[in-house]
Amino acid sequence: MTLQEQLQQISEAGFARMPKHIAKVLLDGIEEISSSDLKKNAIKVGEKINNTALVDIHGNHKNISEFVEQDYLILNFYRGGWCPYCNMELRAYEKLKNEFGNLNANIVAISAEVPNNNTKTFEKNALSFPVLSDVDARFMKSLGIVFTLNDDLKSEYSKFGIDLKQFHGNLNFELSVPGVYIINKDLEIVFSHLEENYMTRLEPIELLFFLRKQPTTYSPKSIS
């Protein structure tokens, strides 16, 4: 079963149980992002990212460049450990981690959540790649991939027990749209994919297809 097929099952089960007025708020929120210029204005392939310092689950501040250990670094931006779609996506990346490594690419996952919450995400999904905190979403804002929840979404998220004030350590109510960037050693973006609808995600295997076509400093191993 593909990642998207698994996500579709979550969506169908969730919306089947959900009152219609709540479903409308969630779907209207997606439409609001889709009708904005967020995707148009976000940073693009060929541009360079800022060498921003992020915080790992141990509280250490590290620049993005420190994670580019091979030719490429996959940046996976997720909404938070409270999001079932994000957790499923992170586990899918974990399954392919060695195959990405064989193509000279590392992975990091980034959210606006504080390190303690990222530690929980790291542990419950049995991840082995870094999970990083972007304090106040500063890095994600520089990429242009952040939006602010409207009042209706704030209310429904609170009813669901999603306390973004606690999770993010601020009162901003900001989230990143789910996205994937691949950068090279020069911090230049060579691949980008953003999802305005958080219920759909890029299939991680698509990144394998992309990386196989990219120049590397070594001959990649065969992948079954």
N, C-alpha and C. Protein backbone atom coordinates (compact mmCIF):
# COMPACT_ATOMS: atom_id res chain seq x y z
N MET A 1 0.84 -1.20 0.00
CA MET A 1 0.00 0.00 0.00
C MET A 1 0.88 1.25 0.00
N THR A 2 0.56 2.20 -0.86
CA THR A 2 1.35 3.43 -0.93
C THR A 2 1.05 4.32 0.27
N LEU A 3 1.92 5.31 0.47
CA LEU A 3 1.68 6.26 1.55
C LEU A 3 0.35 6.97 1.33
N GLN A 4 0.08 7.40 0.11
CA GLN A 4 -1.15 8.13 -0.14
C GLN A 4 -2.39 7.27 0.09
N GLU A 5 -2.30 5.99 -0.21
CA GLU A 5 -3.43 5.10 0.05
C GLU A 5 -3.67 4.98 1.56
N GLN A 6 -2.61 4.93 2.33
CA GLN A 6 -2.74 4.88 3.79
C GLN A 6 -3.35 6.18 4.32
N LEU A 7 -2.90 7.30 3.77
CA LEU A 7 -3.43 8.59 4.20
C LEU A 7 -4.91 8.73 3.83
N GLN A 8 -5.27 8.19 2.69
CA GLN A 8 -6.66 8.24 2.26
C GLN A 8 -7.55 7.47 3.23
N GLN A 9 -7.06 6.35 3.72
CA GLN A 9 -7.83 5.58 4.70
C GLN A 9 -8.06 6.39 5.97
N ILE A 10 -7.01 7.10 6.43
CA ILE A 10 -7.16 7.94 7.62
C ILE A 10 -8.22 9.01 7.38
N SER A 11 -8.15 9.65 6.22
CA SER A 11 -9.09 10.73 5.91
C SER A 11 -10.53 10.22 5.86
N GLU A 12 -10.74 9.12 5.18
CA GLU A 12 -12.10 8.59 5.04
C GLU A 12 -12.67 8.19 6.40
N ALA A 13 -11.85 7.55 7.23
CA ALA A 13 -12.32 7.14 8.55
C ALA A 13 -12.60 8.36 9.43
N GLY A 14 -11.73 9.35 9.35
CA GLY A 14 -11.90 10.54 10.18
C GLY A 14 -13.13 11.35 9.79
N PHE A 15 -13.31 11.59 8.51
CA PHE A 15 -14.44 12.39 8.06
C PHE A 15 -15.76 11.65 8.21
N ALA A 16 -15.72 10.32 8.21
CA ALA A 16 -16.95 9.55 8.42
C ALA A 16 -17.50 9.76 9.83
N ARG A 17 -16.61 9.99 10.78
CA ARG A 17 -17.02 10.19 12.17
C ARG A 17 -17.24 11.65 12.53
N MET A 18 -16.76 12.54 11.70
CA MET A 18 -16.71 13.96 12.03
C MET A 18 -18.01 14.69 11.70
N PRO A 19 -18.49 15.52 12.61
CA PRO A 19 -19.66 16.35 12.29
C PRO A 19 -19.39 17.23 11.07
N LYS A 20 -20.42 17.47 10.28
CA LYS A 20 -20.25 18.18 9.01
C LYS A 20 -19.71 19.60 9.19
N HIS A 21 -20.11 20.27 10.28
CA HIS A 21 -19.65 21.65 10.46
C HIS A 21 -18.15 21.71 10.75
N ILE A 22 -17.62 20.67 11.42
CA ILE A 22 -16.18 20.62 11.67
C ILE A 22 -15.42 20.31 10.38
N ALA A 23 -15.95 19.35 9.62
CA ALA A 23 -15.33 19.01 8.35
C ALA A 23 -15.26 20.23 7.44
N LYS A 24 -16.32 21.04 7.46
CA LYS A 24 -16.33 22.24 6.62
C LYS A 24 -15.23 23.22 7.03
N VAL A 25 -15.02 23.38 8.33
CA VAL A 25 -13.96 24.28 8.81
C VAL A 25 -12.60 23.81 8.31
N LEU A 26 -12.35 22.50 8.40
CA LEU A 26 -11.06 21.96 7.97
C LEU A 26 -10.87 22.11 6.47
N LEU A 27 -11.91 21.80 5.72
CA LEU A 27 -11.81 21.88 4.26
C LEU A 27 -11.72 23.33 3.79
N ASP A 28 -12.44 24.23 4.47
CA ASP A 28 -12.34 25.65 4.13
C ASP A 28 -10.94 26.18 4.41
N GLY A 29 -10.30 25.65 5.47
CA GLY A 29 -8.93 26.07 5.79
C GLY A 29 -7.97 25.67 4.69
N ILE A 30 -8.15 24.48 4.15
CA ILE A 30 -7.32 24.03 3.03
C ILE A 30 -7.54 24.91 1.80
N GLU A 31 -8.80 25.23 1.54
CA GLU A 31 -9.13 26.08 0.38
C GLU A 31 -8.54 27.48 0.54
N GLU A 32 -8.52 27.97 1.77
CA GLU A 32 -7.95 29.29 2.04
C GLU A 32 -6.47 29.33 1.67
N ILE A 33 -5.75 28.27 2.02
CA ILE A 33 -4.33 28.20 1.67
C ILE A 33 -4.15 28.07 0.16
N SER A 34 -4.98 27.22 -0.43
CA SER A 34 -4.88 26.97 -1.87
C SER A 34 -5.14 28.23 -2.68
N SER A 35 -6.04 29.08 -2.20
CA SER A 35 -6.38 30.30 -2.93
C SER A 35 -5.44 31.46 -2.62
N SER A 36 -4.52 31.25 -1.70
CA SER A 36 -3.53 32.29 -1.38
C SER A 36 -2.36 32.18 -2.34
N ASP A 37 -1.39 33.07 -2.17
CA ASP A 37 -0.20 33.06 -3.02
C ASP A 37 0.97 32.34 -2.35
N LEU A 38 0.67 31.55 -1.30
CA LEU A 38 1.75 30.91 -0.55
C LEU A 38 2.65 30.07 -1.46
N LYS A 39 2.04 29.18 -2.21
CA LYS A 39 2.84 28.28 -3.05
C LYS A 39 3.59 29.06 -4.13
N LYS A 40 2.95 30.08 -4.65
CA LYS A 40 3.57 30.91 -5.69
C LYS A 40 4.78 31.66 -5.15
N ASN A 41 4.67 32.13 -3.91
CA ASN A 41 5.72 32.97 -3.34
C ASN A 41 6.80 32.20 -2.60
N ALA A 42 6.59 30.92 -2.38
CA ALA A 42 7.59 30.12 -1.64
C ALA A 42 8.89 30.03 -2.44
N ILE A 43 9.98 29.78 -1.73
CA ILE A 43 11.29 29.65 -2.36
C ILE A 43 11.29 28.51 -3.37
N LYS A 44 12.04 28.67 -4.44
CA LYS A 44 11.98 27.76 -5.57
C LYS A 44 13.31 27.05 -5.84
N VAL A 45 13.23 26.05 -6.70
CA VAL A 45 14.43 25.35 -7.17
C VAL A 45 15.39 26.37 -7.80
N GLY A 46 16.67 26.23 -7.47
CA GLY A 46 17.69 27.14 -7.98
C GLY A 46 18.07 28.23 -7.00
N GLU A 47 17.19 28.49 -6.00
CA GLU A 47 17.50 29.47 -4.98
C GLU A 47 18.23 28.79 -3.82
N LYS A 48 18.93 29.60 -3.02
CA LYS A 48 19.66 29.07 -1.88
C LYS A 48 18.91 29.38 -0.59
N ILE A 49 18.94 28.43 0.34
CA ILE A 49 18.32 28.63 1.64
C ILE A 49 19.30 29.32 2.58
N ASN A 50 18.77 29.92 3.64
CA ASN A 50 19.63 30.50 4.67
C ASN A 50 20.21 29.39 5.53
N ASN A 51 21.46 29.56 5.94
CA ASN A 51 22.11 28.55 6.78
C ASN A 51 21.69 28.77 8.23
N THR A 52 20.42 28.50 8.47
CA THR A 52 19.79 28.79 9.75
C THR A 52 20.17 27.76 10.81
N ALA A 53 20.22 28.19 12.07
CA ALA A 53 20.45 27.27 13.19
C ALA A 53 19.11 26.72 13.67
N LEU A 54 19.01 25.40 13.73
CA LEU A 54 17.83 24.73 14.26
C LEU A 54 18.24 23.97 15.52
N VAL A 55 17.25 23.51 16.28
CA VAL A 55 17.52 22.86 17.57
C VAL A 55 17.16 21.39 17.49
N ASP A 56 18.11 20.52 17.85
CA ASP A 56 17.82 19.09 17.82
C ASP A 56 17.13 18.66 19.10
N ILE A 57 16.79 17.38 19.21
CA ILE A 57 16.02 16.90 20.36
C ILE A 57 16.82 16.95 21.66
N HIS A 58 18.13 17.17 21.55
CA HIS A 58 18.98 17.27 22.76
C HIS A 58 19.20 18.72 23.16
N GLY A 59 18.59 19.64 22.43
CA GLY A 59 18.73 21.05 22.75
C GLY A 59 19.93 21.71 22.11
N ASN A 60 20.62 21.01 21.22
CA ASN A 60 21.79 21.58 20.55
C ASN A 60 21.37 22.40 19.34
N HIS A 61 21.99 23.57 19.18
CA HIS A 61 21.75 24.42 18.04
C HIS A 61 22.75 24.07 16.94
N LYS A 62 22.25 23.72 15.76
CA LYS A 62 23.12 23.35 14.65
C LYS A 62 22.63 24.02 13.37
N ASN A 63 23.58 24.51 12.59
CA ASN A 63 23.23 25.09 11.30
C ASN A 63 22.84 24.00 10.32
N ILE A 64 22.00 24.37 9.36
CA ILE A 64 21.57 23.42 8.34
C ILE A 64 22.76 22.77 7.66
N SER A 65 23.80 23.54 7.38
CA SER A 65 24.96 23.01 6.66
C SER A 65 25.61 21.83 7.37
N GLU A 66 25.45 21.75 8.70
CA GLU A 66 26.06 20.66 9.47
C GLU A 66 25.37 19.32 9.19
N PHE A 67 24.18 19.36 8.63
CA PHE A 67 23.45 18.13 8.35
C PHE A 67 23.65 17.64 6.91
N VAL A 68 24.33 18.46 6.10
CA VAL A 68 24.59 18.05 4.72
C VAL A 68 25.86 17.21 4.72
N GLU A 69 25.73 15.98 5.18
CA GLU A 69 26.89 15.10 5.33
C GLU A 69 27.28 14.42 4.03
N GLN A 70 26.33 14.33 3.10
CA GLN A 70 26.61 13.71 1.81
C GLN A 70 26.35 14.74 0.71
N ASP A 71 26.05 14.32 -0.49
CA ASP A 71 25.83 15.27 -1.57
C ASP A 71 24.53 16.05 -1.41
N TYR A 72 23.52 15.40 -0.81
CA TYR A 72 22.19 16.01 -0.74
C TYR A 72 21.59 15.85 0.65
N LEU A 73 20.70 16.78 0.97
CA LEU A 73 19.96 16.73 2.23
C LEU A 73 18.48 16.92 1.92
N ILE A 74 17.68 15.96 2.39
CA ILE A 74 16.22 16.04 2.25
C ILE A 74 15.66 16.75 3.48
N LEU A 75 14.96 17.85 3.25
CA LEU A 75 14.31 18.59 4.33
C LEU A 75 12.82 18.28 4.29
N ASN A 76 12.34 17.59 5.30
CA ASN A 76 10.92 17.25 5.38
C ASN A 76 10.27 18.15 6.42
N PHE A 77 9.36 19.00 5.97
CA PHE A 77 8.66 19.91 6.87
C PHE A 77 7.30 19.31 7.22
N TYR A 78 7.10 19.09 8.51
CA TYR A 78 5.84 18.48 8.95
C TYR A 78 5.15 19.37 9.97
N ARG A 79 3.85 19.18 10.14
CA ARG A 79 3.04 20.08 10.97
C ARG A 79 3.28 19.87 12.46
N GLY A 80 3.43 18.63 12.88
CA GLY A 80 3.67 18.36 14.28
C GLY A 80 3.39 16.92 14.62
N GLY A 81 3.86 16.50 15.78
CA GLY A 81 3.67 15.12 16.20
C GLY A 81 2.22 14.78 16.50
N TRP A 82 1.36 15.78 16.60
CA TRP A 82 -0.07 15.57 16.82
C TRP A 82 -0.81 15.20 15.54
N CYS A 83 -0.13 15.34 14.40
CA CYS A 83 -0.76 15.13 13.09
C CYS A 83 -0.56 13.70 12.62
N PRO A 84 -1.61 12.89 12.53
CA PRO A 84 -1.45 11.49 12.12
C PRO A 84 -0.89 11.34 10.70
N TYR A 85 -1.22 12.29 9.83
CA TYR A 85 -0.69 12.25 8.47
C TYR A 85 0.83 12.42 8.48
N CYS A 86 1.29 13.33 9.32
CA CYS A 86 2.73 13.59 9.41
C CYS A 86 3.48 12.38 9.99
N ASN A 87 2.91 11.77 11.02
CA ASN A 87 3.57 10.61 11.62
C ASN A 87 3.69 9.46 10.62
N MET A 88 2.64 9.25 9.85
CA MET A 88 2.69 8.19 8.84
C MET A 88 3.73 8.50 7.77
N GLU A 89 3.82 9.77 7.40
CA GLU A 89 4.81 10.17 6.40
C GLU A 89 6.23 9.99 6.94
N LEU A 90 6.47 10.39 8.17
CA LEU A 90 7.80 10.25 8.76
C LEU A 90 8.23 8.79 8.81
N ARG A 91 7.30 7.90 9.15
CA ARG A 91 7.63 6.47 9.19
C ARG A 91 7.96 5.94 7.79
N ALA A 92 7.29 6.49 6.78
CA ALA A 92 7.58 6.07 5.40
C ALA A 92 9.00 6.49 5.00
N TYR A 93 9.43 7.67 5.45
CA TYR A 93 10.80 8.11 5.17
C TYR A 93 11.82 7.26 5.92
N GLU A 94 11.47 6.87 7.13
CA GLU A 94 12.37 6.02 7.90
C GLU A 94 12.62 4.70 7.18
N LYS A 95 11.58 4.14 6.59
CA LYS A 95 11.73 2.86 5.89
C LYS A 95 12.68 2.95 4.70
N LEU A 96 12.77 4.14 4.11
CA LEU A 96 13.61 4.32 2.93
C LEU A 96 14.94 5.01 3.25
N LYS A 97 15.21 5.20 4.52
CA LYS A 97 16.40 5.96 4.90
C LYS A 97 17.68 5.37 4.30
N ASN A 98 17.86 4.07 4.38
CA ASN A 98 19.08 3.46 3.86
C ASN A 98 19.17 3.60 2.35
N GLU A 99 18.03 3.52 1.68
CA GLU A 99 18.04 3.68 0.23
C GLU A 99 18.39 5.11 -0.17
N PHE A 100 17.91 6.09 0.60
CA PHE A 100 18.33 7.46 0.36
C PHE A 100 19.83 7.60 0.59
N GLY A 101 20.32 6.96 1.65
CA GLY A 101 21.75 7.01 1.93
C GLY A 101 22.59 6.43 0.82
N ASN A 102 22.10 5.37 0.20
CA ASN A 102 22.81 4.77 -0.91
C ASN A 102 22.90 5.70 -2.12
N LEU A 103 22.02 6.68 -2.14
CA LEU A 103 22.04 7.69 -3.21
C LEU A 103 22.64 9.00 -2.71
N ASN A 104 23.39 8.89 -1.62
CA ASN A 104 24.16 10.02 -1.08
C ASN A 104 23.26 11.15 -0.59
N ALA A 105 22.18 10.79 0.08
CA ALA A 105 21.27 11.79 0.63
C ALA A 105 20.92 11.47 2.08
N ASN A 106 20.98 12.50 2.93
CA ASN A 106 20.54 12.39 4.31
C ASN A 106 19.14 12.96 4.43
N ILE A 107 18.51 12.76 5.57
CA ILE A 107 17.17 13.27 5.83
C ILE A 107 17.15 14.00 7.17
N VAL A 108 16.42 15.12 7.23
CA VAL A 108 16.05 15.73 8.51
C VAL A 108 14.57 16.08 8.44
N ALA A 109 13.91 16.03 9.58
CA ALA A 109 12.51 16.44 9.68
C ALA A 109 12.46 17.71 10.51
N ILE A 110 11.63 18.67 10.10
CA ILE A 110 11.60 19.99 10.74
C ILE A 110 10.16 20.40 11.02
N SER A 111 9.93 20.87 12.24
CA SER A 111 8.63 21.44 12.60
C SER A 111 8.86 22.65 13.49
N ALA A 112 7.77 23.36 13.78
CA ALA A 112 7.86 24.52 14.67
C ALA A 112 7.68 24.12 16.13
N GLU A 113 7.59 22.83 16.40
CA GLU A 113 7.38 22.37 17.77
C GLU A 113 8.66 22.49 18.60
N VAL A 114 8.49 22.63 19.89
CA VAL A 114 9.64 22.73 20.79
C VAL A 114 10.33 21.36 20.87
N PRO A 115 11.63 21.34 21.27
CA PRO A 115 12.39 20.08 21.27
C PRO A 115 11.74 18.94 22.06
N ASN A 116 11.11 19.23 23.19
CA ASN A 116 10.50 18.14 23.96
C ASN A 116 9.43 17.41 23.17
N ASN A 117 8.64 18.14 22.42
CA ASN A 117 7.61 17.49 21.59
C ASN A 117 8.23 16.74 20.43
N ASN A 118 9.31 17.30 19.87
CA ASN A 118 10.00 16.60 18.78
C ASN A 118 10.62 15.30 19.27
N THR A 119 11.05 15.29 20.53
CA THR A 119 11.59 14.05 21.10
C THR A 119 10.51 12.97 21.12
N LYS A 120 9.30 13.35 21.50
CA LYS A 120 8.19 12.39 21.51
C LYS A 120 7.91 11.87 20.10
N THR A 121 7.95 12.77 19.12
CA THR A 121 7.73 12.37 17.72
C THR A 121 8.82 11.40 17.27
N PHE A 122 10.05 11.71 17.63
CA PHE A 122 11.20 10.88 17.29
C PHE A 122 11.05 9.48 17.87
N GLU A 123 10.64 9.41 19.11
CA GLU A 123 10.57 8.13 19.80
C GLU A 123 9.36 7.30 19.37
N LYS A 124 8.19 7.91 19.27
CA LYS A 124 6.99 7.13 18.96
C LYS A 124 7.00 6.59 17.54
N ASN A 125 7.75 7.25 16.65
CA ASN A 125 7.84 6.78 15.27
C ASN A 125 9.11 5.98 15.01
N ALA A 126 9.91 5.74 16.07
CA ALA A 126 11.15 4.97 15.96
C ALA A 126 12.03 5.49 14.82
N LEU A 127 12.26 6.80 14.84
CA LEU A 127 13.05 7.42 13.79
C LEU A 127 14.54 7.35 14.10
N SER A 128 15.35 7.37 13.07
CA SER A 128 16.80 7.37 13.27
C SER A 128 17.47 8.56 12.58
N PHE A 129 16.66 9.43 11.98
CA PHE A 129 17.22 10.65 11.40
C PHE A 129 16.83 11.84 12.28
N PRO A 130 17.57 12.96 12.17
CA PRO A 130 17.33 14.10 13.06
C PRO A 130 15.94 14.70 12.91
N VAL A 131 15.35 15.05 14.05
CA VAL A 131 14.08 15.77 14.10
C VAL A 131 14.38 17.11 14.76
N LEU A 132 14.14 18.20 14.03
CA LEU A 132 14.64 19.51 14.43
C LEU A 132 13.52 20.50 14.71
N SER A 133 13.79 21.41 15.64
CA SER A 133 12.85 22.47 15.99
C SER A 133 13.26 23.78 15.32
N ASP A 134 12.30 24.39 14.66
CA ASP A 134 12.49 25.70 14.05
C ASP A 134 11.78 26.71 14.94
N VAL A 135 12.54 27.34 15.83
CA VAL A 135 11.96 28.22 16.84
C VAL A 135 11.20 29.37 16.18
N ASP A 136 9.93 29.51 16.58
CA ASP A 136 9.04 30.55 16.04
C ASP A 136 8.91 30.47 14.52
N ALA A 137 9.21 29.30 13.95
CA ALA A 137 9.07 29.07 12.50
C ALA A 137 9.89 30.06 11.67
N ARG A 138 11.01 30.53 12.22
CA ARG A 138 11.80 31.56 11.51
C ARG A 138 12.37 31.05 10.20
N PHE A 139 12.89 29.83 10.22
CA PHE A 139 13.46 29.27 9.00
C PHE A 139 12.36 29.04 7.96
N MET A 140 11.24 28.47 8.41
CA MET A 140 10.16 28.18 7.49
C MET A 140 9.56 29.46 6.91
N LYS A 141 9.54 30.51 7.71
CA LYS A 141 9.07 31.80 7.19
C LYS A 141 10.01 32.31 6.09
N SER A 142 11.29 32.08 6.26
CA SER A 142 12.24 32.54 5.24
C SER A 142 12.04 31.79 3.92
N LEU A 143 11.46 30.60 4.01
CA LEU A 143 11.16 29.82 2.81
C LEU A 143 9.80 30.19 2.22
N GLY A 144 8.98 30.88 3.01
CA GLY A 144 7.66 31.28 2.54
C GLY A 144 6.62 30.18 2.59
N ILE A 145 6.75 29.25 3.54
CA ILE A 145 5.84 28.10 3.57
C ILE A 145 4.97 28.06 4.82
N VAL A 146 4.84 29.21 5.50
CA VAL A 146 4.10 29.28 6.76
C VAL A 146 2.79 30.04 6.55
N PHE A 147 1.75 29.57 7.23
CA PHE A 147 0.47 30.29 7.24
C PHE A 147 -0.02 30.38 8.68
N THR A 148 -0.94 31.30 8.93
CA THR A 148 -1.52 31.49 10.26
C THR A 148 -2.93 30.92 10.29
N LEU A 149 -3.24 30.15 11.30
CA LEU A 149 -4.57 29.57 11.42
C LEU A 149 -5.62 30.67 11.57
N ASN A 150 -6.75 30.52 10.88
CA ASN A 150 -7.84 31.47 11.08
C ASN A 150 -8.56 31.13 12.38
N ASP A 151 -9.48 31.98 12.79
CA ASP A 151 -10.14 31.82 14.10
C ASP A 151 -10.93 30.52 14.20
N ASP A 152 -11.57 30.12 13.10
CA ASP A 152 -12.35 28.88 13.13
C ASP A 152 -11.45 27.67 13.34
N LEU A 153 -10.30 27.67 12.66
CA LEU A 153 -9.35 26.56 12.83
C LEU A 153 -8.76 26.55 14.24
N LYS A 154 -8.45 27.73 14.76
CA LYS A 154 -7.92 27.81 16.13
C LYS A 154 -8.91 27.15 17.11
N SER A 155 -10.18 27.46 16.93
CA SER A 155 -11.21 26.93 17.82
C SER A 155 -11.31 25.41 17.70
N GLU A 156 -11.36 24.89 16.47
CA GLU A 156 -11.52 23.45 16.28
C GLU A 156 -10.26 22.69 16.72
N TYR A 157 -9.09 23.25 16.44
CA TYR A 157 -7.86 22.59 16.88
C TYR A 157 -7.84 22.48 18.40
N SER A 158 -8.28 23.55 19.07
CA SER A 158 -8.32 23.53 20.53
C SER A 158 -9.27 22.44 21.04
N LYS A 159 -10.40 22.28 20.37
CA LYS A 159 -11.36 21.25 20.76
C LYS A 159 -10.79 19.84 20.55
N PHE A 160 -9.93 19.70 19.56
CA PHE A 160 -9.27 18.42 19.30
C PHE A 160 -8.12 18.15 20.28
N GLY A 161 -7.82 19.14 21.14
CA GLY A 161 -6.71 18.99 22.07
C GLY A 161 -5.37 19.34 21.48
N ILE A 162 -5.37 20.04 20.35
CA ILE A 162 -4.12 20.47 19.70
C ILE A 162 -3.79 21.85 20.22
N ASP A 163 -2.93 21.91 21.23
CA ASP A 163 -2.57 23.16 21.90
C ASP A 163 -1.30 23.71 21.28
N LEU A 164 -1.44 24.49 20.21
CA LEU A 164 -0.26 25.00 19.52
C LEU A 164 0.53 25.97 20.38
N LYS A 165 -0.12 26.63 21.32
CA LYS A 165 0.62 27.54 22.22
C LYS A 165 1.65 26.75 23.01
N GLN A 166 1.26 25.58 23.49
CA GLN A 166 2.19 24.74 24.25
C GLN A 166 3.18 24.05 23.31
N PHE A 167 2.69 23.52 22.20
CA PHE A 167 3.56 22.77 21.29
C PHE A 167 4.65 23.64 20.68
N HIS A 168 4.31 24.92 20.41
CA HIS A 168 5.26 25.82 19.75
C HIS A 168 5.96 26.77 20.72
N GLY A 169 5.43 26.90 21.91
CA GLY A 169 6.04 27.81 22.87
C GLY A 169 5.84 29.26 22.52
N ASN A 170 4.75 29.58 21.78
CA ASN A 170 4.44 30.97 21.45
C ASN A 170 2.94 31.11 21.20
N LEU A 171 2.52 32.31 20.86
CA LEU A 171 1.10 32.58 20.64
C LEU A 171 0.82 32.89 19.16
N ASN A 172 1.65 32.38 18.27
CA ASN A 172 1.58 32.77 16.87
C ASN A 172 0.55 31.99 16.05
N PHE A 173 0.23 30.78 16.46
CA PHE A 173 -0.71 29.91 15.72
C PHE A 173 -0.30 29.76 14.26
N GLU A 174 0.97 29.49 14.05
CA GLU A 174 1.51 29.35 12.70
C GLU A 174 1.90 27.89 12.43
N LEU A 175 1.64 27.47 11.21
CA LEU A 175 2.04 26.14 10.77
C LEU A 175 2.70 26.24 9.41
N SER A 176 3.55 25.27 9.14
CA SER A 176 4.08 25.12 7.79
C SER A 176 3.14 24.23 7.00
N VAL A 177 2.99 24.51 5.72
CA VAL A 177 2.35 23.51 4.87
C VAL A 177 3.33 22.35 4.76
N PRO A 178 2.85 21.12 4.68
CA PRO A 178 3.78 20.00 4.51
C PRO A 178 4.58 20.18 3.23
N GLY A 179 5.86 19.97 3.34
CA GLY A 179 6.70 20.18 2.16
C GLY A 179 7.99 19.39 2.22
N VAL A 180 8.58 19.22 1.06
CA VAL A 180 9.87 18.54 0.94
C VAL A 180 10.77 19.35 0.02
N TYR A 181 11.95 19.66 0.52
CA TYR A 181 12.99 20.27 -0.30
C TYR A 181 14.20 19.36 -0.29
N ILE A 182 14.93 19.34 -1.38
CA ILE A 182 16.25 18.71 -1.39
C ILE A 182 17.26 19.79 -1.72
N ILE A 183 18.31 19.89 -0.90
CA ILE A 183 19.37 20.86 -1.14
C ILE A 183 20.69 20.14 -1.36
N ASN A 184 21.63 20.82 -2.03
CA ASN A 184 22.96 20.26 -2.21
C ASN A 184 23.93 20.87 -1.21
N LYS A 185 25.21 20.60 -1.36
CA LYS A 185 26.21 21.08 -0.40
C LYS A 185 26.34 22.59 -0.39
N ASP A 186 25.92 23.23 -1.47
CA ASP A 186 25.95 24.69 -1.55
C ASP A 186 24.68 25.32 -1.00
N LEU A 187 23.81 24.50 -0.39
CA LEU A 187 22.53 24.93 0.16
C LEU A 187 21.58 25.43 -0.92
N GLU A 188 21.80 24.96 -2.13
CA GLU A 188 20.93 25.31 -3.25
C GLU A 188 19.82 24.27 -3.37
N ILE A 189 18.60 24.74 -3.58
CA ILE A 189 17.46 23.85 -3.73
C ILE A 189 17.49 23.20 -5.10
N VAL A 190 17.45 21.87 -5.12
CA VAL A 190 17.44 21.14 -6.38
C VAL A 190 16.10 20.45 -6.61
N PHE A 191 15.26 20.41 -5.57
CA PHE A 191 13.94 19.77 -5.67
C PHE A 191 13.02 20.41 -4.64
N SER A 192 11.77 20.64 -5.03
CA SER A 192 10.80 21.16 -4.05
C SER A 192 9.42 20.59 -4.32
N HIS A 193 8.68 20.40 -3.26
CA HIS A 193 7.29 19.92 -3.37
C HIS A 193 6.54 20.40 -2.14
N LEU A 194 5.46 21.16 -2.34
CA LEU A 194 4.64 21.66 -1.24
C LEU A 194 3.22 21.13 -1.39
N GLU A 195 2.59 20.85 -0.25
CA GLU A 195 1.23 20.34 -0.23
C GLU A 195 0.32 21.33 0.48
N GLU A 196 -0.60 21.97 -0.27
CA GLU A 196 -1.57 22.86 0.37
C GLU A 196 -2.61 22.06 1.15
N ASN A 197 -2.88 20.85 0.69
CA ASN A 197 -3.81 19.94 1.38
C ASN A 197 -2.97 18.99 2.23
N TYR A 198 -3.06 19.15 3.55
CA TYR A 198 -2.22 18.36 4.46
C TYR A 198 -2.56 16.87 4.44
N MET A 199 -3.69 16.52 3.83
CA MET A 199 -4.09 15.11 3.80
C MET A 199 -3.45 14.34 2.65
N THR A 200 -2.69 15.03 1.82
CA THR A 200 -1.98 14.37 0.72
C THR A 200 -0.49 14.68 0.85
N ARG A 201 0.34 13.74 0.46
CA ARG A 201 1.79 13.91 0.57
C ARG A 201 2.48 13.31 -0.65
N LEU A 202 3.66 13.78 -0.90
CA LEU A 202 4.50 13.21 -1.95
C LEU A 202 4.90 11.79 -1.56
N GLU A 203 4.84 10.88 -2.51
CA GLU A 203 5.33 9.53 -2.24
C GLU A 203 6.86 9.59 -2.11
N PRO A 204 7.42 9.14 -0.98
CA PRO A 204 8.87 9.20 -0.79
C PRO A 204 9.67 8.52 -1.89
N ILE A 205 9.09 7.49 -2.50
CA ILE A 205 9.81 6.79 -3.56
C ILE A 205 10.08 7.70 -4.75
N GLU A 206 9.26 8.76 -4.90
CA GLU A 206 9.50 9.72 -5.98
C GLU A 206 10.86 10.41 -5.80
N LEU A 207 11.27 10.57 -4.56
CA LEU A 207 12.58 11.18 -4.30
C LEU A 207 13.71 10.25 -4.70
N LEU A 208 13.49 8.94 -4.56
CA LEU A 208 14.49 7.98 -5.02
C LEU A 208 14.66 8.10 -6.54
N PHE A 209 13.55 8.20 -7.25
CA PHE A 209 13.63 8.34 -8.70
C PHE A 209 14.39 9.61 -9.08
N PHE A 210 14.13 10.69 -8.34
CA PHE A 210 14.81 11.95 -8.62
C PHE A 210 16.30 11.86 -8.34
N LEU A 211 16.65 11.31 -7.18
CA LEU A 211 18.06 11.28 -6.76
C LEU A 211 18.90 10.37 -7.66
N ARG A 212 18.30 9.35 -8.21
CA ARG A 212 19.05 8.46 -9.10
C ARG A 212 19.56 9.18 -10.33
N LYS A 213 18.91 10.28 -10.68
CA LYS A 213 19.29 11.04 -11.87
C LYS A 213 20.27 12.18 -11.58
N GLN A 214 20.59 12.36 -10.29
CA GLN A 214 21.44 13.49 -9.92
C GLN A 214 22.91 13.10 -9.84
N PRO A 215 23.80 14.05 -10.14
CA PRO A 215 25.24 13.75 -10.02
C PRO A 215 25.64 13.58 -8.56
N THR A 216 26.50 12.62 -8.30
CA THR A 216 27.00 12.37 -6.95
C THR A 216 28.51 12.25 -6.99
N THR A 217 29.10 12.18 -5.83
CA THR A 217 30.56 12.07 -5.73
C THR A 217 31.00 10.63 -5.72
N TYR A 218 30.06 9.72 -5.91
CA TYR A 218 30.44 8.30 -5.90
C TYR A 218 29.43 7.56 -6.79
N SER A 219 29.65 6.29 -7.01
CA SER A 219 28.73 5.47 -7.79
C SER A 219 27.74 4.83 -6.84
N PRO A 220 26.43 5.17 -6.94
CA PRO A 220 25.44 4.62 -5.99
C PRO A 220 25.32 3.12 -6.10
N LYS A 221 24.99 2.51 -4.99
CA LYS A 221 24.78 1.06 -4.97
C LYS A 221 23.46 0.75 -5.67
N SER A 222 23.34 -0.48 -6.11
CA SER A 222 22.08 -0.89 -6.74
C SER A 222 20.99 -0.95 -5.68
N ILE A 223 19.78 -0.60 -6.06
CA ILE A 223 18.65 -0.61 -5.14
C ILE A 223 17.58 -1.53 -5.67
N SER A 224 17.17 -2.46 -4.84
CA SER A 224 16.14 -3.40 -5.27
C SER A 224 14.76 -2.79 -5.11
